[in-house]
Amino acid sequence: MTDSRAAQVASWSKNAENWTAAVRSDAIASRREATNAAILAAALAAPLGKTLDVGCGEGWLCRELRNSTQEIVGVDVSPELISRAREEGGATYDVLSYAELCAEPARAGKDFDTIVCNFSLLDDRLEPICDALAAISTPKARLLIQTLHPLAFAPPYEDGWRIESFESFGGEKWAPMPYFARTLGSWIEAISKRWDLKRLLEPKIPSAPIPASLLLVAERR
């Protein structure tokens, strides 16, 4: 594991209490004003069937979708976040890293009709992850990826590791998190090896100068 990947994984656990508090108190403005509604609308735009939430965190999205799914599974690299998710229920939750998912995709389950990655694909292994998700999905399954919009990155406009300090979140002290920034072209190229991009959405807070996120909706070939 690279230093940046290891630091990213560690940050999820270090920040688990902060994430849980911020999500459950609706403290993050972009989530409250744009991105939560966007991912829910995209997910519910078609029947969910059996659903996988990759990087489920403390489980909020699983809980929101559970009544519309045949079955829902949430996986996350952080034992601390999975523990918080299990406290609230709503899904089957398991600890699973990207490395484990890529090596043994079936550890997450199989025959998924919908796979959602909501601000969770933040390291440099996008193509192997997309391949792994294709391997455990049904024909014509949907893949929904909501992520940081490339316009939000400071120059240069190129793929590479950056650092998120979470200063805008306020509250308790957060551990910094490395994340892998991607250009729009990089996202599309990596996804297109196994998935057909069907929609590209840019959820936006009305008063904001740039989109709050990038939301990609793809279908398995």
C-alpha atoms as a PDB file:
ATOM      1  CA  MET A   1       0.000   0.000   0.000  1.00  0.00           C
ATOM      2  CA  THR A   2       1.334   3.432  -0.901  1.00  0.00           C
ATOM      3  CA  ASP A   3       1.833   6.042   1.814  1.00  0.00           C
ATOM      4  CA  SER A   4      -1.067   8.113   0.465  1.00  0.00           C
ATOM      5  CA  ARG A   5      -3.424   5.142   0.388  1.00  0.00           C
ATOM      6  CA  ALA A   6      -2.440   4.128   3.916  1.00  0.00           C
ATOM      7  CA  ALA A   7      -2.934   7.665   5.211  1.00  0.00           C
ATOM      8  CA  GLN A   8      -6.322   7.859   3.521  1.00  0.00           C
ATOM      9  CA  VAL A   9      -7.477   4.602   5.097  1.00  0.00           C
ATOM     10  CA  ALA A  10      -6.233   5.740   8.504  1.00  0.00           C
ATOM     11  CA  SER A  11      -8.077   9.053   8.169  1.00  0.00           C
ATOM     12  CA  TRP A  12     -11.464   7.351   7.801  1.00  0.00           C
ATOM     13  CA  SER A  13     -10.993   5.653  11.154  1.00  0.00           C
ATOM     14  CA  LYS A  14      -9.474   8.700  12.852  1.00  0.00           C
ATOM     15  CA  ASN A  15     -12.371  10.834  11.645  1.00  0.00           C
ATOM     16  CA  ALA A  16     -15.111   8.251  12.217  1.00  0.00           C
ATOM     17  CA  GLU A  17     -16.717  10.071  15.137  1.00  0.00           C
ATOM     18  CA  ASN A  18     -16.545  13.408  13.315  1.00  0.00           C
ATOM     19  CA  TRP A  19     -18.052  11.921  10.157  1.00  0.00           C
ATOM     20  CA  THR A  20     -20.852  10.258  12.085  1.00  0.00           C
ATOM     21  CA  ALA A  21     -21.698  13.454  13.951  1.00  0.00           C
ATOM     22  CA  ALA A  22     -21.507  15.633  10.827  1.00  0.00           C
ATOM     23  CA  VAL A  23     -23.656  13.328   8.696  1.00  0.00           C
ATOM     24  CA  ARG A  24     -26.288  12.646  11.325  1.00  0.00           C
ATOM     25  CA  SER A  25     -26.613  16.306  12.309  1.00  0.00           C
ATOM     26  CA  ASP A  26     -26.798  17.397   8.645  1.00  0.00           C
ATOM     27  CA  ALA A  27     -23.911  19.765   9.295  1.00  0.00           C
ATOM     28  CA  ILE A  28     -22.276  19.732   5.838  1.00  0.00           C
ATOM     29  CA  ALA A  29     -23.871  22.403   3.652  1.00  0.00           C
ATOM     30  CA  SER A  30     -23.143  20.789   0.270  1.00  0.00           C
ATOM     31  CA  ARG A  31     -24.778  17.548   1.387  1.00  0.00           C
ATOM     32  CA  ARG A  32     -27.754  19.378   2.838  1.00  0.00           C
ATOM     33  CA  GLU A  33     -28.292  21.682  -0.140  1.00  0.00           C
ATOM     34  CA  ALA A  34     -27.376  19.524  -3.138  1.00  0.00           C
ATOM     35  CA  THR A  35     -25.531  16.232  -3.039  1.00  0.00           C
ATOM     36  CA  ASN A  36     -27.750  14.103  -0.777  1.00  0.00           C
ATOM     37  CA  ALA A  37     -30.827  14.829  -2.864  1.00  0.00           C
ATOM     38  CA  ALA A  38     -28.870  14.286  -6.079  1.00  0.00           C
ATOM     39  CA  ILE A  39     -27.646  10.789  -5.244  1.00  0.00           C
ATOM     40  CA  LEU A  40     -31.057   9.748  -3.912  1.00  0.00           C
ATOM     41  CA  ALA A  41     -32.827  11.007  -7.034  1.00  0.00           C
ATOM     42  CA  ALA A  42     -30.350   9.246  -9.313  1.00  0.00           C
ATOM     43  CA  ALA A  43     -30.601   5.996  -7.367  1.00  0.00           C
ATOM     44  CA  LEU A  44     -34.397   6.025  -7.278  1.00  0.00           C
ATOM     45  CA  ALA A  45     -34.749   6.931 -10.961  1.00  0.00           C
ATOM     46  CA  ALA A  46     -34.962   3.193 -11.749  1.00  0.00           C
ATOM     47  CA  PRO A  47     -35.729   0.050  -9.744  1.00  0.00           C
ATOM     48  CA  LEU A  48     -32.862  -0.640  -7.349  1.00  0.00           C
ATOM     49  CA  GLY A  49     -33.133  -4.406  -7.013  1.00  0.00           C
ATOM     50  CA  LYS A  50     -30.212  -5.793  -5.028  1.00  0.00           C
ATOM     51  CA  THR A  51     -27.986  -2.853  -4.092  1.00  0.00           C
ATOM     52  CA  LEU A  52     -24.377  -2.348  -2.970  1.00  0.00           C
ATOM     53  CA  ASP A  53     -23.170   0.848  -1.276  1.00  0.00           C
ATOM     54  CA  VAL A  54     -19.383   1.007  -1.698  1.00  0.00           C
ATOM     55  CA  GLY A  55     -17.772   3.154   0.990  1.00  0.00           C
ATOM     56  CA  CYS A  56     -21.006   3.304   2.965  1.00  0.00           C
ATOM     57  CA  GLY A  57     -19.499   5.100   5.958  1.00  0.00           C
ATOM     58  CA  GLU A  58     -21.934   5.299   8.865  1.00  0.00           C
ATOM     59  CA  GLY A  59     -24.702   3.948   6.651  1.00  0.00           C
ATOM     60  CA  TRP A  60     -26.973   6.928   5.958  1.00  0.00           C
ATOM     61  CA  LEU A  61     -27.517   6.098   2.279  1.00  0.00           C
ATOM     62  CA  CYS A  62     -28.281   2.447   2.994  1.00  0.00           C
ATOM     63  CA  ARG A  63     -30.904   3.535   5.502  1.00  0.00           C
ATOM     64  CA  GLU A  64     -32.447   5.979   3.019  1.00  0.00           C
ATOM     65  CA  LEU A  65     -32.665   3.357   0.270  1.00  0.00           C
ATOM     66  CA  ARG A  66     -33.562   0.262   2.271  1.00  0.00           C
ATOM     67  CA  ASN A  67     -37.326   0.445   1.724  1.00  0.00           C
ATOM     68  CA  SER A  68     -36.853   0.676  -2.048  1.00  0.00           C
ATOM     69  CA  THR A  69     -34.449  -2.245  -2.433  1.00  0.00           C
ATOM     70  CA  GLN A  70     -34.755  -5.986  -2.651  1.00  0.00           C
ATOM     71  CA  GLU A  71     -31.632  -6.216  -0.474  1.00  0.00           C
ATOM     72  CA  ILE A  72     -28.894  -3.733   0.394  1.00  0.00           C
ATOM     73  CA  VAL A  73     -25.268  -4.293   1.429  1.00  0.00           C
ATOM     74  CA  GLY A  74     -22.860  -1.629   2.663  1.00  0.00           C
ATOM     75  CA  VAL A  75     -19.079  -2.056   2.716  1.00  0.00           C
ATOM     76  CA  ASP A  76     -16.403   0.270   4.067  1.00  0.00           C
ATOM     77  CA  VAL A  77     -12.712   0.088   4.942  1.00  0.00           C
ATOM     78  CA  SER A  78     -13.248   1.599   8.402  1.00  0.00           C
ATOM     79  CA  PRO A  79     -14.257  -0.790  11.212  1.00  0.00           C
ATOM     80  CA  GLU A  80     -15.252   2.231  13.269  1.00  0.00           C
ATOM     81  CA  LEU A  81     -17.676   3.517  10.635  1.00  0.00           C
ATOM     82  CA  ILE A  82     -19.115   0.050  10.047  1.00  0.00           C
ATOM     83  CA  SER A  83     -19.695  -0.232  13.790  1.00  0.00           C
ATOM     84  CA  ARG A  84     -21.669   3.020  13.716  1.00  0.00           C
ATOM     85  CA  ALA A  85     -23.645   1.783  10.703  1.00  0.00           C
ATOM     86  CA  ARG A  86     -24.535  -1.484  12.423  1.00  0.00           C
ATOM     87  CA  GLU A  87     -25.841   0.438  15.428  1.00  0.00           C
ATOM     88  CA  GLU A  88     -28.516   2.002  13.209  1.00  0.00           C
ATOM     89  CA  GLY A  89     -29.175  -1.060  11.031  1.00  0.00           C
ATOM     90  CA  GLY A  90     -30.920  -0.857   7.688  1.00  0.00           C
ATOM     91  CA  ALA A  91     -28.532  -3.105   5.743  1.00  0.00           C
ATOM     92  CA  THR A  92     -25.933  -5.841   5.910  1.00  0.00           C
ATOM     93  CA  TYR A  93     -22.647  -4.090   6.708  1.00  0.00           C
ATOM     94  CA  ASP A  94     -19.132  -5.482   6.242  1.00  0.00           C
ATOM     95  CA  VAL A  95     -15.582  -4.181   6.591  1.00  0.00           C
ATOM     96  CA  LEU A  96     -13.886  -4.408   3.186  1.00  0.00           C
ATOM     97  CA  SER A  97     -10.965  -2.490   1.712  1.00  0.00           C
ATOM     98  CA  TYR A  98     -10.481  -1.600  -1.949  1.00  0.00           C
ATOM     99  CA  ALA A  99      -7.520  -3.988  -2.083  1.00  0.00           C
ATOM    100  CA  GLU A 100      -9.715  -6.808  -0.784  1.00  0.00           C
ATOM    101  CA  LEU A 101     -12.535  -5.880  -3.148  1.00  0.00           C
ATOM    102  CA  CYS A 102     -10.204  -5.917  -6.153  1.00  0.00           C
ATOM    103  CA  ALA A 103      -8.585  -9.214  -5.134  1.00  0.00           C
ATOM    104  CA  GLU A 104     -11.836 -11.000  -4.238  1.00  0.00           C
ATOM    105  CA  PRO A 105     -14.863  -9.087  -5.545  1.00  0.00           C
ATOM    106  CA  ALA A 106     -17.327 -11.705  -4.305  1.00  0.00           C
ATOM    107  CA  ARG A 107     -16.485 -10.819  -0.710  1.00  0.00           C
ATOM    108  CA  ALA A 108     -18.898  -7.923  -1.174  1.00  0.00           C
ATOM    109  CA  GLY A 109     -21.579 -10.248  -2.544  1.00  0.00           C
ATOM    110  CA  LYS A 110     -22.782 -10.888  -6.079  1.00  0.00           C
ATOM    111  CA  ASP A 111     -25.605 -10.260  -8.539  1.00  0.00           C
ATOM    112  CA  PHE A 112     -26.028  -6.595  -7.676  1.00  0.00           C
ATOM    113  CA  ASP A 113     -28.478  -4.629  -9.813  1.00  0.00           C
ATOM    114  CA  THR A 114     -27.392  -1.224  -8.508  1.00  0.00           C
ATOM    115  CA  ILE A 115     -24.005  -0.141  -7.144  1.00  0.00           C
ATOM    116  CA  VAL A 116     -23.590   3.261  -5.524  1.00  0.00           C
ATOM    117  CA  CYS A 117     -20.271   4.963  -4.727  1.00  0.00           C
ATOM    118  CA  ASN A 118     -21.078   8.230  -2.979  1.00  0.00           C
ATOM    119  CA  PHE A 119     -17.909  10.285  -2.428  1.00  0.00           C
ATOM    120  CA  SER A 120     -16.019   7.058  -1.805  1.00  0.00           C
ATOM    121  CA  LEU A 121     -13.805   6.479  -4.873  1.00  0.00           C
ATOM    122  CA  LEU A 122     -10.985   8.696  -3.689  1.00  0.00           C
ATOM    123  CA  ASP A 123      -7.809   6.723  -4.374  1.00  0.00           C
ATOM    124  CA  ASP A 124      -5.845   5.921  -7.509  1.00  0.00           C
ATOM    125  CA  ARG A 125      -7.230   2.445  -8.264  1.00  0.00           C
ATOM    126  CA  LEU A 126     -10.357   3.378 -10.166  1.00  0.00           C
ATOM    127  CA  GLU A 127     -10.071   0.959 -13.099  1.00  0.00           C
ATOM    128  CA  PRO A 128      -9.500  -2.170 -10.947  1.00  0.00           C
ATOM    129  CA  ILE A 129     -12.396  -1.150  -8.704  1.00  0.00           C
ATOM    130  CA  CYS A 130     -14.708  -0.646 -11.689  1.00  0.00           C
ATOM    131  CA  ASP A 131     -13.637  -4.052 -13.015  1.00  0.00           C
ATOM    132  CA  ALA A 132     -14.351  -5.680  -9.646  1.00  0.00           C
ATOM    133  CA  LEU A 133     -17.779  -4.073  -9.441  1.00  0.00           C
ATOM    134  CA  ALA A 134     -18.627  -5.233 -12.958  1.00  0.00           C
ATOM    135  CA  ALA A 135     -17.706  -8.784 -11.942  1.00  0.00           C
ATOM    136  CA  ILE A 136     -20.315  -8.856  -9.159  1.00  0.00           C
ATOM    137  CA  SER A 137     -23.127  -7.059 -10.964  1.00  0.00           C
ATOM    138  CA  THR A 138     -25.963  -8.290 -13.133  1.00  0.00           C
ATOM    139  CA  PRO A 139     -26.159  -7.585 -16.889  1.00  0.00           C
ATOM    140  CA  LYS A 140     -27.254  -3.972 -17.429  1.00  0.00           C
ATOM    141  CA  ALA A 141     -26.645  -3.161 -13.761  1.00  0.00           C
ATOM    142  CA  ARG A 142     -26.370   0.514 -12.863  1.00  0.00           C
ATOM    143  CA  LEU A 143     -23.264   2.132 -11.375  1.00  0.00           C
ATOM    144  CA  LEU A 144     -23.737   5.525  -9.722  1.00  0.00           C
ATOM    145  CA  ILE A 145     -20.649   7.511  -8.755  1.00  0.00           C
ATOM    146  CA  GLN A 146     -20.898  10.861  -7.015  1.00  0.00           C
ATOM    147  CA  THR A 147     -17.578  12.552  -6.416  1.00  0.00           C
ATOM    148  CA  LEU A 148     -15.748  15.839  -6.068  1.00  0.00           C
ATOM    149  CA  HIS A 149     -16.193  17.982  -9.168  1.00  0.00           C
ATOM    150  CA  PRO A 150     -12.904  18.607 -11.034  1.00  0.00           C
ATOM    151  CA  LEU A 151     -13.694  22.335 -11.111  1.00  0.00           C
ATOM    152  CA  ALA A 152     -13.297  22.387  -7.332  1.00  0.00           C
ATOM    153  CA  PHE A 153      -9.596  21.520  -7.523  1.00  0.00           C
ATOM    154  CA  ALA A 154      -6.889  24.136  -7.414  1.00  0.00           C
ATOM    155  CA  PRO A 155      -4.605  24.137 -10.501  1.00  0.00           C
ATOM    156  CA  PRO A 156      -2.983  22.257 -12.091  1.00  0.00           C
ATOM    157  CA  TYR A 157      -5.850  20.451 -13.818  1.00  0.00           C
ATOM    158  CA  GLU A 158      -4.382  16.953 -13.758  1.00  0.00           C
ATOM    159  CA  ASP A 159      -4.679  13.638 -11.957  1.00  0.00           C
ATOM    160  CA  GLY A 160      -2.789  13.397  -8.706  1.00  0.00           C
ATOM    161  CA  TRP A 161      -2.869  13.148  -4.948  1.00  0.00           C
ATOM    162  CA  ARG A 162      -4.142  16.153  -2.971  1.00  0.00           C
ATOM    163  CA  ILE A 163      -4.858  16.789   0.718  1.00  0.00           C
ATOM    164  CA  GLU A 164      -8.255  17.592   2.239  1.00  0.00           C
ATOM    165  CA  SER A 165      -8.033  19.366   5.600  1.00  0.00           C
ATOM    166  CA  PHE A 166     -11.812  19.571   6.280  1.00  0.00           C
ATOM    167  CA  GLU A 167     -11.357  23.106   7.599  1.00  0.00           C
ATOM    168  CA  SER A 168     -14.692  24.170   6.136  1.00  0.00           C
ATOM    169  CA  PHE A 169     -16.512  21.533   8.198  1.00  0.00           C
ATOM    170  CA  GLY A 170     -15.674  23.190  11.522  1.00  0.00           C
ATOM    171  CA  GLY A 171     -16.388  21.412  14.795  1.00  0.00           C
ATOM    172  CA  GLU A 172     -13.853  19.000  16.227  1.00  0.00           C
ATOM    173  CA  LYS A 173     -10.342  18.674  14.847  1.00  0.00           C
ATOM    174  CA  TRP A 174     -10.181  16.499  11.743  1.00  0.00           C
ATOM    175  CA  ALA A 175      -7.263  14.358  10.583  1.00  0.00           C
ATOM    176  CA  PRO A 176      -6.176  15.444   7.061  1.00  0.00           C
ATOM    177  CA  MET A 177      -7.010  12.991   4.268  1.00  0.00           C
ATOM    178  CA  PRO A 178      -5.082  12.384   1.044  1.00  0.00           C
ATOM    179  CA  TYR A 179      -7.372  11.897  -1.951  1.00  0.00           C
ATOM    180  CA  PHE A 180      -6.722  11.261  -5.632  1.00  0.00           C
ATOM    181  CA  ALA A 181      -8.070  14.096  -7.792  1.00  0.00           C
ATOM    182  CA  ARG A 182      -9.155  13.241 -11.339  1.00  0.00           C
ATOM    183  CA  THR A 183      -9.933  15.236 -14.440  1.00  0.00           C
ATOM    184  CA  LEU A 184     -13.294  14.679 -16.091  1.00  0.00           C
ATOM    185  CA  GLY A 185     -11.605  12.806 -18.917  1.00  0.00           C
ATOM    186  CA  SER A 186      -9.860  10.526 -16.447  1.00  0.00           C
ATOM    187  CA  TRP A 187     -13.147   9.566 -14.807  1.00  0.00           C
ATOM    188  CA  ILE A 188     -14.821   8.793 -18.109  1.00  0.00           C
ATOM    189  CA  GLU A 189     -11.882   6.819 -19.495  1.00  0.00           C
ATOM    190  CA  ALA A 190     -11.538   4.631 -16.393  1.00  0.00           C
ATOM    191  CA  ILE A 191     -15.237   3.859 -16.140  1.00  0.00           C
ATOM    192  CA  SER A 192     -15.688   3.169 -19.850  1.00  0.00           C
ATOM    193  CA  LYS A 193     -13.567   0.003 -19.870  1.00  0.00           C
ATOM    194  CA  ARG A 194     -16.439  -2.032 -18.358  1.00  0.00           C
ATOM    195  CA  TRP A 195     -19.334   0.404 -18.095  1.00  0.00           C
ATOM    196  CA  ASP A 196     -21.261   2.588 -20.551  1.00  0.00           C
ATOM    197  CA  LEU A 197     -21.738   6.141 -19.323  1.00  0.00           C
ATOM    198  CA  LYS A 198     -25.424   7.068 -19.625  1.00  0.00           C
ATOM    199  CA  ARG A 199     -25.680  10.377 -17.790  1.00  0.00           C
ATOM    200  CA  LEU A 200     -23.326  13.029 -16.459  1.00  0.00           C
ATOM    201  CA  LEU A 201     -24.905  15.294 -13.853  1.00  0.00           C
ATOM    202  CA  GLU A 202     -23.521  18.331 -12.053  1.00  0.00           C
ATOM    203  CA  PRO A 203     -25.582  18.986  -8.909  1.00  0.00           C
ATOM    204  CA  LYS A 204     -25.308  22.610  -7.889  1.00  0.00           C
ATOM    205  CA  ILE A 205     -26.180  24.820  -4.947  1.00  0.00           C
ATOM    206  CA  PRO A 206     -28.126  27.707  -6.569  1.00  0.00           C
ATOM    207  CA  SER A 207     -25.895  30.465  -5.207  1.00  0.00           C
ATOM    208  CA  ALA A 208     -22.593  28.653  -5.835  1.00  0.00           C
ATOM    209  CA  PRO A 209     -20.290  29.518  -8.772  1.00  0.00           C
ATOM    210  CA  ILE A 210     -19.357  25.892  -9.513  1.00  0.00           C
ATOM    211  CA  PRO A 211     -21.129  22.512  -9.191  1.00  0.00           C
ATOM    212  CA  ALA A 212     -21.238  20.848  -5.783  1.00  0.00           C
ATOM    213  CA  SER A 213     -20.320  17.477  -7.275  1.00  0.00           C
ATOM    214  CA  LEU A 214     -19.944  15.310 -10.355  1.00  0.00           C
ATOM    215  CA  LEU A 215     -22.476  12.482 -10.648  1.00  0.00           C
ATOM    216  CA  LEU A 216     -21.908   9.729 -13.207  1.00  0.00           C
ATOM    217  CA  VAL A 217     -24.570   7.156 -14.065  1.00  0.00           C
ATOM    218  CA  ALA A 218     -23.316   4.139 -16.000  1.00  0.00           C
ATOM    219  CA  GLU A 219     -24.631   0.774 -17.141  1.00  0.00           C
ATOM    220  CA  ARG A 220     -22.698  -2.491 -17.226  1.00  0.00           C
ATOM    221  CA  ARG A 221     -21.930  -3.801 -20.673  1.00  0.00           C
END
